[in-house]
Structures are given as C-alpha cells and as structure tokens.
Amino acid sequence: MSGGWEVRSALAEDVPAAASAVELLLVELGGRPPARPVLEAEVRALVEDPEAGEVLVAESAGSLVGMLGSSWQRAIHVPGRYAVVQDLWVDPGWRSDGVGAALIEELAARARAAGAARLEVGLPSEHFAAIAKTTAFYRANGFEHLGPRMRRKLEP
C-alpha cells in the first residue's frame, strides 16, 4: 500500500466499478460511452482472460480510486508481445497523488515478467482540454512520442 491506496488485479466484483470508471473517463474525454452492459462485458472479458490483457485497480478503503485497462498486442514491426494502455482513469480527488504512475508501473512490471519489452498508449484527441497535462504525465512516466494515431469506425 502506498499513499493510502493499493494497486492490484481487478476481480470479478470490481467489474461494475471499473466499467463506471471507464464511463467517467469517456465523458471527461468528450465521448459517449457505450451502454453499461457492454462496458461491463468488456471489463469482465479482460478480467477473465489474462492472455487478452490486464485490468488493474487502485483501491483505497474499499473504493476504486483508479483503474487501468490494457490489451496484449502483436505487430510485425515489434518483436514479441507488447501492452497497450487502453483506458487509464484516476478519481479527480486522487490525481497528482501517484495513483496513475503506480498503475503504469504495475503494468510495466507485469509486461516485463511476461517477456514484453514495450508499452504503448494512444493519447486523447488534440482537442481534449487537458491534452498537454496528459502528454506530460505519460512523458514523466517514461513514454516517448510516436506520432498521431487514426481510426476508422466500421458500421455494421
């Protein structure tokens, strides 16, 4: 435990709180979250399948104060597996207390133990009000700029 909180793997009983954290994250980023059952299903899938990714939570006195969702990836240009931080949320009252950095460090330790040599993260849109602060956070935690990412949504 550090600073009144501890980082651990998410458990089945953490699924609703972790889904709620992702909901809050998406709203903060200016997005529209998927329906709660969809979010919970994705959290549950990662919790139940460690080969797909990791869900880490930071907890204080039984309450979730931070969460990190990641996935394991492979790419031809990157030897072996690597982890991609998909979702990182820290309760606003706990920001700047080291919770986010501890979640990143726990993921890094797990990735190293799994033989991975790399973590990646996609930053929010350049229109996000706190993009400079978010970028500074990741740089302070050892990430380097790779360039912008793009996406294409596929409609059914």
Protein backbone atom coordinates (compact mmCIF):
# COMPACT_ATOMS: atom_id res chain seq x y z
CA MET A 1 0.00 0.00 0.00
CA SER A 2 1.29 3.44 -0.89
CA GLY A 3 -0.29 6.78 -0.10
CA GLY A 4 -3.40 5.15 1.37
CA TRP A 5 -4.16 3.04 -1.70
CA GLU A 6 -3.00 -0.20 -3.24
CA VAL A 7 -2.77 -1.47 -6.82
CA ARG A 8 -3.97 -4.99 -7.62
CA SER A 9 -5.53 -7.07 -10.36
CA ALA A 10 -9.22 -6.44 -10.84
CA LEU A 11 -11.52 -9.18 -9.61
CA ALA A 12 -14.99 -10.16 -10.79
CA GLU A 13 -16.53 -8.00 -8.07
CA ASP A 14 -14.62 -4.96 -9.45
CA VAL A 15 -16.33 -5.16 -12.85
CA PRO A 16 -19.14 -2.62 -12.14
CA ALA A 17 -16.77 -0.07 -10.57
CA ALA A 18 -14.20 -0.46 -13.37
CA ALA A 19 -16.94 -0.03 -16.01
CA SER A 20 -18.12 3.09 -14.18
CA ALA A 21 -14.55 4.43 -14.22
CA VAL A 22 -14.34 3.94 -17.99
CA GLU A 23 -17.70 5.68 -18.37
CA LEU A 24 -16.38 8.67 -16.42
CA LEU A 25 -13.18 8.65 -18.47
CA LEU A 26 -15.04 8.68 -21.78
CA VAL A 27 -17.32 11.51 -20.65
CA GLU A 28 -14.29 13.50 -19.47
CA LEU A 29 -12.70 12.98 -22.88
CA GLY A 30 -15.84 14.31 -24.55
CA GLY A 31 -17.05 10.95 -25.82
CA ARG A 32 -20.24 8.99 -25.45
CA PRO A 33 -19.76 5.77 -23.53
CA PRO A 34 -21.27 2.53 -24.76
CA ALA A 35 -24.17 1.12 -22.77
CA ARG A 36 -23.20 -0.05 -19.27
CA PRO A 37 -23.78 -3.78 -20.03
CA VAL A 38 -21.37 -3.51 -22.98
CA LEU A 39 -18.70 -1.84 -20.83
CA GLU A 40 -19.13 -4.43 -18.09
CA ALA A 41 -18.88 -7.27 -20.61
CA GLU A 42 -15.55 -5.91 -21.90
CA VAL A 43 -14.14 -5.42 -18.40
CA ARG A 44 -15.27 -8.95 -17.49
CA ALA A 45 -13.67 -10.37 -20.64
CA LEU A 46 -10.29 -8.84 -19.73
CA VAL A 47 -10.57 -9.86 -16.07
CA GLU A 48 -11.36 -13.45 -17.05
CA ASP A 49 -8.74 -13.76 -19.82
CA PRO A 50 -5.25 -12.65 -18.77
CA GLU A 51 -4.00 -13.57 -22.26
CA ALA A 52 -6.15 -10.75 -23.68
CA GLY A 53 -4.97 -8.03 -21.33
CA GLU A 54 -4.85 -6.68 -17.81
CA VAL A 55 -7.29 -4.74 -15.68
CA LEU A 56 -5.61 -3.16 -12.70
CA VAL A 57 -7.36 -1.20 -9.97
CA ALA A 58 -6.13 1.20 -7.33
CA GLU A 59 -8.21 0.90 -4.21
CA SER A 60 -8.45 2.90 -1.01
CA ALA A 61 -10.60 1.77 1.91
CA GLY A 62 -12.63 -0.48 -0.37
CA SER A 63 -13.28 2.22 -3.01
CA LEU A 64 -11.87 2.32 -6.51
CA VAL A 65 -9.68 5.41 -6.95
CA GLY A 66 -8.05 4.42 -10.23
CA MET A 67 -8.11 1.78 -12.96
CA LEU A 68 -6.05 0.78 -15.94
CA GLY A 69 -7.23 -1.44 -18.76
CA SER A 70 -4.69 -2.77 -21.24
CA SER A 71 -4.50 -5.29 -24.01
CA TRP A 72 -1.71 -7.52 -25.24
CA GLN A 73 -0.78 -6.89 -28.86
CA ARG A 74 1.46 -8.26 -31.56
CA ALA A 75 2.76 -6.44 -34.60
CA ILE A 76 5.25 -7.47 -37.24
CA HIS A 77 7.41 -4.40 -36.56
CA VAL A 78 7.60 -5.10 -32.78
CA PRO A 79 9.33 -8.33 -31.77
CA GLY A 80 7.11 -10.27 -29.37
CA ARG A 81 4.07 -9.13 -27.45
CA TYR A 82 3.61 -5.65 -26.08
CA ALA A 83 0.99 -3.99 -23.92
CA VAL A 84 -1.23 -1.12 -24.98
CA VAL A 85 -2.81 1.06 -22.32
CA GLN A 86 -6.40 1.34 -23.48
CA ASP A 87 -8.02 3.09 -20.51
CA LEU A 88 -6.44 4.91 -17.58
CA TRP A 89 -8.66 6.74 -15.12
CA VAL A 90 -7.91 8.22 -11.71
CA ASP A 91 -10.56 9.75 -9.49
CA PRO A 92 -10.12 13.55 -9.66
CA GLY A 93 -9.62 13.72 -5.90
CA TRP A 94 -6.66 11.34 -6.17
CA ARG A 95 -4.90 12.86 -9.17
CA SER A 96 -1.33 14.05 -8.59
CA ASP A 97 -1.01 11.53 -5.72
CA GLY A 98 0.90 8.95 -7.78
CA VAL A 99 -2.05 6.63 -8.43
CA GLY A 100 -1.76 6.80 -12.24
CA ALA A 101 2.02 6.35 -12.11
CA ALA A 102 1.63 3.32 -9.81
CA LEU A 103 -0.87 1.75 -12.22
CA ILE A 104 1.56 2.29 -15.12
CA GLU A 105 4.47 0.85 -13.12
CA GLU A 106 2.47 -2.23 -12.16
CA LEU A 107 1.58 -2.81 -15.82
CA ALA A 108 5.25 -2.32 -16.78
CA ALA A 109 6.33 -4.88 -14.17
CA ARG A 110 3.77 -7.39 -15.42
CA ALA A 111 4.74 -6.75 -19.05
CA ARG A 112 8.43 -7.30 -18.27
CA ALA A 113 7.56 -10.52 -16.40
CA ALA A 114 5.61 -11.67 -19.48
CA GLY A 115 8.63 -11.03 -21.71
CA ALA A 116 7.29 -7.83 -23.27
CA ALA A 117 9.71 -5.01 -23.90
CA ARG A 118 7.26 -2.23 -24.70
CA LEU A 119 4.19 -0.32 -23.52
CA GLU A 120 2.21 1.94 -25.80
CA VAL A 121 -0.66 4.34 -25.26
CA GLY A 122 -2.87 6.33 -27.60
CA LEU A 123 -3.40 9.86 -26.39
CA PRO A 124 -6.77 11.60 -26.46
CA SER A 125 -7.72 13.95 -29.26
CA GLU A 126 -5.65 17.11 -29.57
CA HIS A 127 -8.92 18.94 -28.82
CA PHE A 128 -9.08 17.48 -25.31
CA ALA A 129 -8.71 20.37 -22.85
CA ALA A 130 -6.09 18.58 -20.73
CA ILE A 131 -4.04 17.12 -23.60
CA ALA A 132 -0.86 18.95 -22.53
CA LYS A 133 -1.19 17.66 -18.96
CA THR A 134 -1.97 14.14 -20.19
CA THR A 135 1.04 14.17 -22.52
CA ALA A 136 3.27 15.47 -19.70
CA PHE A 137 2.03 12.67 -17.42
CA TYR A 138 2.97 9.97 -19.91
CA ARG A 139 6.35 11.58 -20.68
CA ALA A 140 7.08 11.76 -16.93
CA ASN A 141 6.31 8.03 -16.78
CA GLY A 142 8.82 7.08 -19.47
CA PHE A 143 6.74 7.24 -22.66
CA GLU A 144 8.04 8.92 -25.80
CA HIS A 145 6.08 10.43 -28.64
CA LEU A 146 5.44 8.09 -31.60
CA GLY A 147 3.12 10.23 -33.66
CA PRO A 148 -0.60 10.56 -34.07
CA ARG A 149 -2.93 7.61 -34.42
CA MET A 150 -6.02 7.50 -36.57
CA ARG A 151 -9.07 5.26 -36.59
CA ARG A 152 -11.80 4.20 -38.94
CA LYS A 153 -15.11 3.14 -37.47
CA LEU A 154 -16.81 0.27 -39.21
CA GLU A 155 -20.56 0.39 -39.35
CA PRO A 156 -22.47 -2.91 -39.33
